[in-house]
Amino acid sequence: MFRILYVDDDPILLTLAKNFMEKTGEYEVTTMTSAAEALKSPEILSYDVIVSDYEMPEINGIAFLRAVKDTSQNLPFIIFTGRGREEIVIKAIDNGADFYVQKGGDPGPLFAELMHKIKTAIERRRAINALRKSEVRFRSIIQSLDEYITILNEKWELVYSSPASLKMFGYSPEYLVGKNAFDFMHPDDVELVRMEAEESLKKDHVSVPLPYRLRKADGSYLYVESKMANLLDVPEVNGLVVTTRDISEHKNIDNDISLKDAQLVAISSK
């Protein structure tokens, strides 16, 4: 059940709206005759949506809207105003109102439209909040990883760089965003990585870990290994996600083994 706060200085309209909406069984409507009264209520932020008239004594609907948004940007707010008040509609939208409904006409269609706008506003806000929570979880996970995560667009430019870039390469994420990924690769490795990256643009391609070298802020090169995932078709990502890890320690071990093998070969040939 949706909890609605409806504020209007017209008690007859308050009663009509409350009766009409509550008879559907989907709404619990609390009515108040002034914005000043509503703002003093300790429960004001507990409602699913606020519906407010514009022209009211003391505090009008736009001032009420601003006061609510100063406290909570997430609380849906609908202006329920008289016809012919286009300038009020513009002000309402500019100040963060989710919707407006113009009063007048047959109460049945009028309140049906109002309920439709209420449902839409609540569902939209819930979707936005869910997306924000997902983003917070995503960033929390990414920031705790030692692996370096980037998101590239189709021009191979970084649109996201995880904080691990500072520790791994000496570059801040802010510095890297907007840069072309290939500009930081060792010249001898660019062609190989480019071929793999272009293969990753194919939907059915599964990237394999690819070793190559990336330039650090001090000019030296770090041996890394990357995997790529094409999420260009996912609206929330819209990019090529690259996971990179430092393999320089393993590379040094391999180099040491190769050097020892060469030394053994040299000794045995004497």
C-alpha atoms as a PDB file:
ATOM      1  CA  MET A   1       0.000   0.000   0.000  1.00  0.00           C
ATOM      2  CA  PHE A   2       1.290   3.473  -0.946  1.00  0.00           C
ATOM      3  CA  ARG A   3       1.325   6.153   1.754  1.00  0.00           C
ATOM      4  CA  ILE A   4       0.366   9.532   0.286  1.00  0.00           C
ATOM      5  CA  LEU A   5       0.532  12.971   1.880  1.00  0.00           C
ATOM      6  CA  TYR A   6      -1.864  15.328   0.120  1.00  0.00           C
ATOM      7  CA  VAL A   7      -1.638  19.022   1.062  1.00  0.00           C
ATOM      8  CA  ASP A   8      -4.307  21.479  -0.128  1.00  0.00           C
ATOM      9  CA  ASP A   9      -6.187  24.375   1.443  1.00  0.00           C
ATOM     10  CA  ASP A  10      -9.441  23.133  -0.121  1.00  0.00           C
ATOM     11  CA  PRO A  11     -10.966  20.686   2.408  1.00  0.00           C
ATOM     12  CA  ILE A  12     -13.621  19.509  -0.038  1.00  0.00           C
ATOM     13  CA  LEU A  13     -11.008  18.496  -2.623  1.00  0.00           C
ATOM     14  CA  LEU A  14      -8.965  16.809   0.118  1.00  0.00           C
ATOM     15  CA  THR A  15     -11.950  14.694   1.097  1.00  0.00           C
ATOM     16  CA  LEU A  16     -12.829  13.808  -2.497  1.00  0.00           C
ATOM     17  CA  ALA A  17      -9.251  12.774  -3.315  1.00  0.00           C
ATOM     18  CA  LYS A  18      -8.853  10.752  -0.127  1.00  0.00           C
ATOM     19  CA  ASN A  19     -12.127   8.862  -0.641  1.00  0.00           C
ATOM     20  CA  PHE A  20     -11.474   8.214  -4.323  1.00  0.00           C
ATOM     21  CA  MET A  21      -7.909   6.913  -3.863  1.00  0.00           C
ATOM     22  CA  GLU A  22      -8.481   4.899  -0.688  1.00  0.00           C
ATOM     23  CA  LYS A  23     -11.425   2.984  -2.120  1.00  0.00           C
ATOM     24  CA  THR A  24      -8.997   1.272  -4.534  1.00  0.00           C
ATOM     25  CA  GLY A  25      -7.272  -0.352  -1.564  1.00  0.00           C
ATOM     26  CA  GLU A  26      -3.852   0.681  -2.899  1.00  0.00           C
ATOM     27  CA  TYR A  27      -3.486   4.011  -1.116  1.00  0.00           C
ATOM     28  CA  GLU A  28      -3.433   5.339   2.407  1.00  0.00           C
ATOM     29  CA  VAL A  29      -3.946   9.098   2.158  1.00  0.00           C
ATOM     30  CA  THR A  30      -3.079  11.600   4.872  1.00  0.00           C
ATOM     31  CA  THR A  31      -4.440  15.098   4.253  1.00  0.00           C
ATOM     32  CA  MET A  32      -3.264  18.455   5.572  1.00  0.00           C
ATOM     33  CA  THR A  33      -4.536  21.949   4.817  1.00  0.00           C
ATOM     34  CA  SER A  34      -1.210  23.802   4.791  1.00  0.00           C
ATOM     35  CA  ALA A  35       2.437  23.286   3.872  1.00  0.00           C
ATOM     36  CA  ALA A  36       3.426  24.808   7.199  1.00  0.00           C
ATOM     37  CA  GLU A  37       1.549  22.044   9.003  1.00  0.00           C
ATOM     38  CA  ALA A  38       3.122  19.383   6.783  1.00  0.00           C
ATOM     39  CA  LEU A  39       6.661  20.669   7.323  1.00  0.00           C
ATOM     40  CA  LYS A  40       6.184  20.463  11.097  1.00  0.00           C
ATOM     41  CA  SER A  41       5.121  16.825  10.888  1.00  0.00           C
ATOM     42  CA  PRO A  42       7.801  14.385  12.124  1.00  0.00           C
ATOM     43  CA  GLU A  43       6.475  11.825   9.612  1.00  0.00           C
ATOM     44  CA  ILE A  44       6.878  13.971   6.487  1.00  0.00           C
ATOM     45  CA  LEU A  45       9.777  11.914   5.115  1.00  0.00           C
ATOM     46  CA  SER A  46       8.032   8.598   5.750  1.00  0.00           C
ATOM     47  CA  TYR A  47       5.508   9.008   2.916  1.00  0.00           C
ATOM     48  CA  ASP A  48       5.934   7.371  -0.475  1.00  0.00           C
ATOM     49  CA  VAL A  49       4.939  10.574  -2.285  1.00  0.00           C
ATOM     50  CA  ILE A  50       3.754  14.102  -1.537  1.00  0.00           C
ATOM     51  CA  VAL A  51       0.987  15.725  -3.579  1.00  0.00           C
ATOM     52  CA  SER A  52       0.613  19.474  -3.115  1.00  0.00           C
ATOM     53  CA  ASP A  53      -1.571  22.304  -4.342  1.00  0.00           C
ATOM     54  CA  TYR A  54       0.279  25.415  -5.514  1.00  0.00           C
ATOM     55  CA  GLU A  55      -1.766  28.349  -4.254  1.00  0.00           C
ATOM     56  CA  MET A  56      -1.931  28.101  -0.458  1.00  0.00           C
ATOM     57  CA  PRO A  57      -1.646  30.666   2.356  1.00  0.00           C
ATOM     58  CA  GLU A  58       1.729  31.234   4.093  1.00  0.00           C
ATOM     59  CA  ILE A  59       3.759  28.739   2.029  1.00  0.00           C
ATOM     60  CA  ASN A  60       2.862  28.013  -1.591  1.00  0.00           C
ATOM     61  CA  GLY A  61       3.468  24.719  -3.381  1.00  0.00           C
ATOM     62  CA  ILE A  62       6.820  25.721  -4.926  1.00  0.00           C
ATOM     63  CA  ALA A  63       8.235  26.914  -1.602  1.00  0.00           C
ATOM     64  CA  PHE A  64       6.941  23.681  -0.024  1.00  0.00           C
ATOM     65  CA  LEU A  65       8.613  21.672  -2.792  1.00  0.00           C
ATOM     66  CA  ARG A  66      11.953  23.454  -2.210  1.00  0.00           C
ATOM     67  CA  ALA A  67      11.761  22.830   1.537  1.00  0.00           C
ATOM     68  CA  VAL A  68      11.105  19.118   1.015  1.00  0.00           C
ATOM     69  CA  LYS A  69      13.890  18.748  -1.563  1.00  0.00           C
ATOM     70  CA  ASP A  70      16.331  20.519   0.778  1.00  0.00           C
ATOM     71  CA  THR A  71      15.699  17.680   3.232  1.00  0.00           C
ATOM     72  CA  SER A  72      15.281  14.741   0.849  1.00  0.00           C
ATOM     73  CA  GLN A  73      15.948  14.629  -2.889  1.00  0.00           C
ATOM     74  CA  ASN A  74      14.538  11.093  -3.044  1.00  0.00           C
ATOM     75  CA  LEU A  75      10.992  11.830  -1.903  1.00  0.00           C
ATOM     76  CA  PRO A  76       8.671  12.034  -4.956  1.00  0.00           C
ATOM     77  CA  PHE A  77       6.703  15.282  -5.178  1.00  0.00           C
ATOM     78  CA  ILE A  78       3.723  16.086  -7.432  1.00  0.00           C
ATOM     79  CA  ILE A  79       2.249  19.555  -7.937  1.00  0.00           C
ATOM     80  CA  PHE A  80      -1.546  19.484  -8.215  1.00  0.00           C
ATOM     81  CA  THR A  81      -2.339  22.891  -9.688  1.00  0.00           C
ATOM     82  CA  GLY A  82      -5.146  24.753 -11.435  1.00  0.00           C
ATOM     83  CA  ARG A  83      -5.425  24.947 -15.194  1.00  0.00           C
ATOM     84  CA  GLY A  84      -3.814  27.833 -17.053  1.00  0.00           C
ATOM     85  CA  ARG A  85      -0.823  27.982 -14.693  1.00  0.00           C
ATOM     86  CA  GLU A  86       1.894  26.997 -17.134  1.00  0.00           C
ATOM     87  CA  GLU A  87       4.454  29.248 -15.450  1.00  0.00           C
ATOM     88  CA  ILE A  88       3.871  27.333 -12.202  1.00  0.00           C
ATOM     89  CA  VAL A  89       4.399  24.028 -14.007  1.00  0.00           C
ATOM     90  CA  ILE A  90       7.774  25.253 -15.322  1.00  0.00           C
ATOM     91  CA  LYS A  91       8.834  26.406 -11.860  1.00  0.00           C
ATOM     92  CA  ALA A  92       7.741  23.092 -10.363  1.00  0.00           C
ATOM     93  CA  ILE A  93       9.815  21.013 -12.796  1.00  0.00           C
ATOM     94  CA  ASP A  94      12.811  23.343 -12.440  1.00  0.00           C
ATOM     95  CA  ASN A  95      12.695  22.877  -8.663  1.00  0.00           C
ATOM     96  CA  GLY A  96      12.584  19.089  -8.759  1.00  0.00           C
ATOM     97  CA  ALA A  97       8.919  18.126  -8.985  1.00  0.00           C
ATOM     98  CA  ASP A  98       8.461  14.655 -10.467  1.00  0.00           C
ATOM     99  CA  PHE A  99       5.152  15.476 -12.144  1.00  0.00           C
ATOM    100  CA  TYR A 100       2.312  17.968 -12.186  1.00  0.00           C
ATOM    101  CA  VAL A 101      -1.412  17.367 -12.611  1.00  0.00           C
ATOM    102  CA  GLN A 102      -3.811  20.123 -13.573  1.00  0.00           C
ATOM    103  CA  LYS A 103      -7.023  20.368 -11.607  1.00  0.00           C
ATOM    104  CA  GLY A 104     -10.451  20.625 -13.202  1.00  0.00           C
ATOM    105  CA  GLY A 105     -12.977  18.521 -15.040  1.00  0.00           C
ATOM    106  CA  ASP A 106     -14.587  15.220 -14.102  1.00  0.00           C
ATOM    107  CA  PRO A 107     -13.198  13.965 -10.734  1.00  0.00           C
ATOM    108  CA  GLY A 108     -13.015  10.357 -11.996  1.00  0.00           C
ATOM    109  CA  PRO A 109     -10.504  10.900 -14.825  1.00  0.00           C
ATOM    110  CA  LEU A 110      -8.746  13.605 -12.803  1.00  0.00           C
ATOM    111  CA  PHE A 111      -7.961  11.364  -9.825  1.00  0.00           C
ATOM    112  CA  ALA A 112      -7.219   8.423 -12.120  1.00  0.00           C
ATOM    113  CA  GLU A 113      -4.522  10.560 -13.772  1.00  0.00           C
ATOM    114  CA  LEU A 114      -3.235  11.635 -10.373  1.00  0.00           C
ATOM    115  CA  MET A 115      -2.962   8.022  -9.194  1.00  0.00           C
ATOM    116  CA  HIS A 116      -1.157   7.055 -12.405  1.00  0.00           C
ATOM    117  CA  LYS A 117       1.374   9.850 -11.857  1.00  0.00           C
ATOM    118  CA  ILE A 118       1.784   8.789  -8.220  1.00  0.00           C
ATOM    119  CA  LYS A 119       2.548   5.182  -9.162  1.00  0.00           C
ATOM    120  CA  THR A 120       4.947   6.255 -11.905  1.00  0.00           C
ATOM    121  CA  ALA A 121       6.795   8.656  -9.604  1.00  0.00           C
ATOM    122  CA  ILE A 122       7.192   6.033  -6.874  1.00  0.00           C
ATOM    123  CA  GLU A 123       8.332   3.301  -9.272  1.00  0.00           C
ATOM    124  CA  ARG A 124      10.806   5.647 -10.955  1.00  0.00           C
ATOM    125  CA  ARG A 125      12.298   6.779  -7.641  1.00  0.00           C
ATOM    126  CA  ARG A 126      12.584   3.193  -6.424  1.00  0.00           C
ATOM    127  CA  ALA A 127      14.377   2.239  -9.642  1.00  0.00           C
ATOM    128  CA  ILE A 128      16.769   5.182  -9.262  1.00  0.00           C
ATOM    129  CA  ASN A 129      17.471   4.285  -5.632  1.00  0.00           C
ATOM    130  CA  ALA A 130      18.075   0.628  -6.537  1.00  0.00           C
ATOM    131  CA  LEU A 131      20.501   1.694  -9.267  1.00  0.00           C
ATOM    132  CA  ARG A 132      22.336   3.991  -6.860  1.00  0.00           C
ATOM    133  CA  LYS A 133      22.650   1.179  -4.321  1.00  0.00           C
ATOM    134  CA  SER A 134      24.014  -1.099  -7.038  1.00  0.00           C
ATOM    135  CA  GLU A 135      26.534   1.575  -8.021  1.00  0.00           C
ATOM    136  CA  VAL A 136      27.630   1.990  -4.392  1.00  0.00           C
ATOM    137  CA  ARG A 137      28.079  -1.778  -4.032  1.00  0.00           C
ATOM    138  CA  PHE A 138      29.957  -1.924  -7.335  1.00  0.00           C
ATOM    139  CA  ARG A 139      32.310   0.911  -6.383  1.00  0.00           C
ATOM    140  CA  SER A 140      32.865  -0.523  -2.892  1.00  0.00           C
ATOM    141  CA  ILE A 141      33.848  -3.881  -4.372  1.00  0.00           C
ATOM    142  CA  ILE A 142      36.026  -2.332  -7.085  1.00  0.00           C
ATOM    143  CA  GLN A 143      37.840  -0.042  -4.645  1.00  0.00           C
ATOM    144  CA  SER A 144      38.723  -2.970  -2.390  1.00  0.00           C
ATOM    145  CA  LEU A 145      40.303  -5.015  -5.180  1.00  0.00           C
ATOM    146  CA  ASP A 146      44.024  -5.147  -5.909  1.00  0.00           C
ATOM    147  CA  GLU A 147      43.148  -5.742  -9.549  1.00  0.00           C
ATOM    148  CA  TYR A 148      42.802  -2.710 -11.795  1.00  0.00           C
ATOM    149  CA  ILE A 149      39.377  -2.265 -13.439  1.00  0.00           C
ATOM    150  CA  THR A 150      38.743  -0.018 -16.420  1.00  0.00           C
ATOM    151  CA  ILE A 151      35.807   0.595 -18.728  1.00  0.00           C
ATOM    152  CA  LEU A 152      36.617   1.612 -22.309  1.00  0.00           C
ATOM    153  CA  ASN A 153      34.339   3.042 -24.974  1.00  0.00           C
ATOM    154  CA  GLU A 154      34.443   2.004 -28.624  1.00  0.00           C
ATOM    155  CA  LYS A 155      37.259   4.509 -29.261  1.00  0.00           C
ATOM    156  CA  TRP A 156      39.340   2.687 -26.591  1.00  0.00           C
ATOM    157  CA  GLU A 157      39.120   5.730 -24.290  1.00  0.00           C
ATOM    158  CA  LEU A 158      38.822   5.206 -20.547  1.00  0.00           C
ATOM    159  CA  VAL A 159      35.423   6.210 -19.224  1.00  0.00           C
ATOM    160  CA  TYR A 160      36.113   4.653 -15.810  1.00  0.00           C
ATOM    161  CA  SER A 161      39.343   3.894 -13.948  1.00  0.00           C
ATOM    162  CA  SER A 162      39.380   2.185 -10.559  1.00  0.00           C
ATOM    163  CA  PRO A 163      41.477   3.604  -7.673  1.00  0.00           C
ATOM    164  CA  ALA A 164      44.007   0.766  -8.065  1.00  0.00           C
ATOM    165  CA  SER A 165      45.594   2.780 -10.910  1.00  0.00           C
ATOM    166  CA  LEU A 166      47.350   5.025  -8.388  1.00  0.00           C
ATOM    167  CA  LYS A 167      48.970   2.152  -6.506  1.00  0.00           C
ATOM    168  CA  MET A 168      49.759   0.052  -9.583  1.00  0.00           C
ATOM    169  CA  PHE A 169      50.855   2.692 -12.082  1.00  0.00           C
ATOM    170  CA  GLY A 170      51.141   5.988 -10.233  1.00  0.00           C
ATOM    171  CA  TYR A 171      48.281   7.626 -12.169  1.00  0.00           C
ATOM    172  CA  SER A 172      45.159   8.975 -10.501  1.00  0.00           C
ATOM    173  CA  PRO A 173      41.823   7.715 -11.900  1.00  0.00           C
ATOM    174  CA  GLU A 174      40.892  11.307 -12.765  1.00  0.00           C
ATOM    175  CA  TYR A 175      44.021  11.688 -14.890  1.00  0.00           C
ATOM    176  CA  LEU A 176      43.334   8.498 -16.859  1.00  0.00           C
ATOM    177  CA  VAL A 177      39.663   9.088 -17.691  1.00  0.00           C
ATOM    178  CA  GLY A 178      39.396  10.315 -21.270  1.00  0.00           C
ATOM    179  CA  LYS A 179      42.841   8.984 -22.258  1.00  0.00           C
ATOM    180  CA  ASN A 180      43.323   6.312 -24.941  1.00  0.00           C
ATOM    181  CA  ALA A 181      44.343   2.975 -23.422  1.00  0.00           C
ATOM    182  CA  PHE A 182      46.818   2.203 -26.201  1.00  0.00           C
ATOM    183  CA  ASP A 183      48.842   5.334 -25.395  1.00  0.00           C
ATOM    184  CA  PHE A 184      50.074   3.647 -22.206  1.00  0.00           C
ATOM    185  CA  MET A 185      51.141   0.337 -23.754  1.00  0.00           C
ATOM    186  CA  HIS A 186      54.643  -0.667 -24.761  1.00  0.00           C
ATOM    187  CA  PRO A 187      54.991  -0.015 -28.527  1.00  0.00           C
ATOM    188  CA  ASP A 188      55.940  -3.649 -29.153  1.00  0.00           C
ATOM    189  CA  ASP A 189      52.718  -4.873 -27.505  1.00  0.00           C
ATOM    190  CA  VAL A 190      50.171  -2.500 -29.042  1.00  0.00           C
ATOM    191  CA  GLU A 191      49.348  -4.551 -32.144  1.00  0.00           C
ATOM    192  CA  LEU A 192      48.760  -7.773 -30.208  1.00  0.00           C
ATOM    193  CA  VAL A 193      46.516  -6.067 -27.644  1.00  0.00           C
ATOM    194  CA  ARG A 194      44.614  -4.183 -30.344  1.00  0.00           C
ATOM    195  CA  MET A 195      43.859  -7.425 -32.194  1.00  0.00           C
ATOM    196  CA  GLU A 196      42.519  -9.017 -28.988  1.00  0.00           C
ATOM    197  CA  ALA A 197      40.523  -5.900 -28.119  1.00  0.00           C
ATOM    198  CA  GLU A 198      38.879  -5.826 -31.529  1.00  0.00           C
ATOM    199  CA  GLU A 199      38.008  -9.514 -31.160  1.00  0.00           C
ATOM    200  CA  SER A 200      36.335  -8.614 -27.866  1.00  0.00           C
ATOM    201  CA  LEU A 201      33.886  -6.429 -29.762  1.00  0.00           C
ATOM    202  CA  LYS A 202      32.363  -9.618 -31.166  1.00  0.00           C
ATOM    203  CA  LYS A 203      29.482 -10.835 -29.004  1.00  0.00           C
ATOM    204  CA  ASP A 204      30.532 -14.469 -29.063  1.00  0.00           C
ATOM    205  CA  HIS A 205      34.172 -13.778 -28.194  1.00  0.00           C
ATOM    206  CA  VAL A 206      35.482 -14.807 -24.775  1.00  0.00           C
ATOM    207  CA  SER A 207      38.700 -13.028 -23.891  1.00  0.00           C
ATOM    208  CA  VAL A 208      41.661 -15.029 -22.622  1.00  0.00           C
ATOM    209  CA  PRO A 209      44.182 -13.507 -20.186  1.00  0.00           C
ATOM    210  CA  LEU A 210      46.594 -11.446 -22.273  1.00  0.00           C
ATOM    211  CA  PRO A 211      50.080 -10.501 -20.986  1.00  0.00           C
ATOM    212  CA  TYR A 212      51.624  -7.190 -22.091  1.00  0.00           C
ATOM    213  CA  ARG A 213      53.375  -4.116 -20.690  1.00  0.00           C
ATOM    214  CA  LEU A 214      51.904  -0.839 -19.444  1.00  0.00           C
ATOM    215  CA  ARG A 215      53.835   2.376 -18.870  1.00  0.00           C
ATOM    216  CA  LYS A 216      53.907   3.686 -15.316  1.00  0.00           C
ATOM    217  CA  ALA A 217      53.968   7.336 -14.325  1.00  0.00           C
ATOM    218  CA  ASP A 218      57.748   7.175 -13.769  1.00  0.00           C
ATOM    219  CA  GLY A 219      58.288   5.968 -17.354  1.00  0.00           C
ATOM    220  CA  SER A 220      59.094   2.353 -16.517  1.00  0.00           C
ATOM    221  CA  TYR A 221      56.962  -0.546 -17.750  1.00  0.00           C
ATOM    222  CA  LEU A 222      54.973  -3.014 -15.690  1.00  0.00           C
ATOM    223  CA  TYR A 223      54.147  -6.529 -16.868  1.00  0.00           C
ATOM    224  CA  VAL A 224      50.386  -7.033 -16.562  1.00  0.00           C
ATOM    225  CA  GLU A 225      47.708  -9.470 -17.647  1.00  0.00           C
ATOM    226  CA  SER A 226      44.249  -8.369 -18.764  1.00  0.00           C
ATOM    227  CA  LYS A 227      40.887  -9.952 -19.491  1.00  0.00           C
ATOM    228  CA  MET A 228      38.206  -8.143 -21.480  1.00  0.00           C
ATOM    229  CA  ALA A 229      34.416  -8.398 -21.416  1.00  0.00           C
ATOM    230  CA  ASN A 230      32.180  -6.736 -23.985  1.00  0.00           C
ATOM    231  CA  LEU A 231      29.309  -5.055 -22.122  1.00  0.00           C
ATOM    232  CA  LEU A 232      28.569  -2.409 -24.746  1.00  0.00           C
ATOM    233  CA  ASP A 233      25.000  -3.709 -24.980  1.00  0.00           C
ATOM    234  CA  VAL A 234      24.398  -3.349 -21.241  1.00  0.00           C
ATOM    235  CA  PRO A 235      22.942   0.165 -20.712  1.00  0.00           C
ATOM    236  CA  GLU A 236      24.269   0.505 -17.157  1.00  0.00           C
ATOM    237  CA  VAL A 237      27.839  -0.183 -18.380  1.00  0.00           C
ATOM    238  CA  ASN A 238      27.934   0.576 -22.123  1.00  0.00           C
ATOM    239  CA  GLY A 239      31.610  -0.285 -22.477  1.00  0.00           C
ATOM    240  CA  LEU A 240      34.404  -2.814 -22.672  1.00  0.00           C
ATOM    241  CA  VAL A 241      35.284  -3.884 -19.123  1.00  0.00           C
ATOM    242  CA  VAL A 242      38.969  -4.712 -18.653  1.00  0.00           C
ATOM    243  CA  THR A 243      40.348  -6.430 -15.552  1.00  0.00           C
ATOM    244  CA  THR A 244      44.121  -6.061 -15.178  1.00  0.00           C
ATOM    245  CA  ARG A 245      46.520  -7.616 -12.666  1.00  0.00           C
ATOM    246  CA  ASP A 246      50.217  -7.155 -12.004  1.00  0.00           C
ATOM    247  CA  ILE A 247      52.250 -10.217 -13.124  1.00  0.00           C
ATOM    248  CA  SER A 248      55.696  -8.620 -12.919  1.00  0.00           C
ATOM    249  CA  GLU A 249      56.706 -10.869 -10.025  1.00  0.00           C
ATOM    250  CA  HIS A 250      55.866 -13.973 -12.048  1.00  0.00           C
ATOM    251  CA  LYS A 251      57.610 -12.491 -15.073  1.00  0.00           C
ATOM    252  CA  ASN A 252      60.752 -11.876 -13.055  1.00  0.00           C
ATOM    253  CA  ILE A 253      60.700 -15.488 -11.833  1.00  0.00           C
ATOM    254  CA  ASP A 254      60.337 -16.685 -15.426  1.00  0.00           C
ATOM    255  CA  ASN A 255      63.212 -14.469 -16.494  1.00  0.00           C
ATOM    256  CA  ASP A 256      65.376 -15.779 -13.644  1.00  0.00           C
ATOM    257  CA  ILE A 257      64.605 -19.387 -14.638  1.00  0.00           C
ATOM    258  CA  SER A 258      65.447 -18.641 -18.277  1.00  0.00           C
ATOM    259  CA  LEU A 259      68.721 -17.015 -17.229  1.00  0.00           C
ATOM    260  CA  LYS A 260      69.686 -19.991 -15.044  1.00  0.00           C
ATOM    261  CA  ASP A 261      68.841 -22.408 -17.876  1.00  0.00           C
ATOM    262  CA  ALA A 262      71.050 -20.412 -20.218  1.00  0.00           C
ATOM    263  CA  GLN A 263      73.866 -20.454 -17.671  1.00  0.00           C
ATOM    264  CA  LEU A 264      73.554 -24.249 -17.275  1.00  0.00           C
ATOM    265  CA  VAL A 265      73.667 -24.700 -21.016  1.00  0.00           C
ATOM    266  CA  ALA A 266      76.780 -22.521 -21.221  1.00  0.00           C
ATOM    267  CA  ILE A 267      78.506 -24.467 -18.422  1.00  0.00           C
ATOM    268  CA  SER A 268      77.670 -27.898 -19.876  1.00  0.00           C
ATOM    269  CA  SER A 269      79.070 -26.927 -23.243  1.00  0.00           C
ATOM    270  CA  LYS A 270      82.496 -26.213 -21.835  1.00  0.00           C
END
